[in-house]
Amino acid sequence: MAACAEDDPARAEEAASRVSPGMLTFGINELACRALITLARERGQSPRTVARSLLGLRDPSPVRPAGDA
């Protein structure tokens, strides 16, 4: 992850050869989850709201109970 963020393809390739694809996927997922939780805490928002914001998605309209039209 660090090699990719630092745009170091040689180091990224070396790291990829040392880690199984399954473990790499697990590590990336775990890192993303932790980063999302940290950002949500810093912003005082829910992880869902932060994730949607990072992906450029709008929050869906609040669901209104039937009969509140």
Protein backbone atom coordinates (compact mmCIF):
# COMPACT_ATOMS: atom_id res chain seq x y z
CA MET A 1 0.00 0.00 0.00
CA ALA A 2 2.73 2.46 0.94
CA ALA A 3 4.69 1.73 -2.24
CA CYS A 4 1.60 2.40 -4.32
CA ALA A 5 0.84 5.63 -2.46
CA GLU A 6 4.45 6.73 -2.92
CA ASP A 7 4.37 5.79 -6.63
CA ASP A 8 7.18 3.24 -6.30
CA PRO A 9 6.31 0.46 -8.78
CA ALA A 10 9.48 -1.53 -8.15
CA ARG A 11 8.80 -1.76 -4.41
CA ALA A 12 5.12 -2.50 -5.05
CA GLU A 13 6.05 -5.38 -7.37
CA GLU A 14 8.52 -6.76 -4.83
CA ALA A 15 5.90 -6.63 -2.06
CA ALA A 16 3.29 -8.29 -4.29
CA SER A 17 5.67 -11.19 -4.91
CA ARG A 18 6.01 -11.78 -1.15
CA VAL A 19 2.33 -11.70 -0.21
CA SER A 20 -0.39 -14.05 -1.40
CA PRO A 21 -3.26 -12.41 -3.29
CA GLY A 22 -5.71 -13.52 -0.59
CA MET A 23 -3.69 -11.94 2.20
CA LEU A 24 -3.19 -8.79 0.15
CA THR A 25 -6.94 -8.50 -0.40
CA PHE A 26 -7.57 -9.02 3.31
CA GLY A 27 -4.97 -6.39 4.21
CA ILE A 28 -6.37 -3.82 1.81
CA ASN A 29 -9.90 -4.39 3.07
CA GLU A 30 -8.81 -4.10 6.70
CA LEU A 31 -6.84 -0.92 6.00
CA ALA A 32 -9.79 0.63 4.15
CA CYS A 33 -12.17 -0.19 7.00
CA ARG A 34 -9.89 1.32 9.61
CA ALA A 35 -9.31 4.44 7.52
CA LEU A 36 -13.04 4.88 6.98
CA ILE A 37 -13.78 4.55 10.70
CA THR A 38 -11.04 7.07 11.52
CA LEU A 39 -12.32 9.57 8.97
CA ALA A 40 -15.89 9.15 10.22
CA ARG A 41 -14.80 9.87 13.79
CA GLU A 42 -12.78 12.92 12.71
CA ARG A 43 -15.72 14.30 10.74
CA GLY A 44 -18.37 13.38 13.30
CA GLN A 45 -20.27 11.45 10.64
CA SER A 46 -21.33 7.87 10.15
CA PRO A 47 -19.00 5.55 8.24
CA ARG A 48 -21.75 5.15 5.62
CA THR A 49 -21.94 8.92 5.05
CA VAL A 50 -18.17 9.21 4.73
CA ALA A 51 -17.93 6.22 2.37
CA ARG A 52 -20.65 7.63 0.11
CA SER A 53 -18.90 11.01 0.12
CA LEU A 54 -15.53 9.48 -0.81
CA LEU A 55 -17.17 7.56 -3.65
CA GLY A 56 -18.97 10.67 -4.89
CA LEU A 57 -22.40 9.26 -4.08
CA ARG A 58 -25.20 11.31 -2.58
CA ASP A 59 -26.91 10.12 0.57
CA PRO A 60 -30.24 8.64 -0.36
CA SER A 61 -33.27 10.72 0.53
CA PRO A 62 -34.57 9.98 4.02
CA VAL A 63 -37.30 7.40 3.94
CA ARG A 64 -40.58 8.93 5.06
CA PRO A 65 -43.22 6.81 6.69
CA ALA A 66 -46.31 6.08 4.58
CA GLY A 67 -48.98 8.68 5.13
CA ASP A 68 -46.53 11.58 5.65
CA ALA A 69 -46.95 12.91 2.12
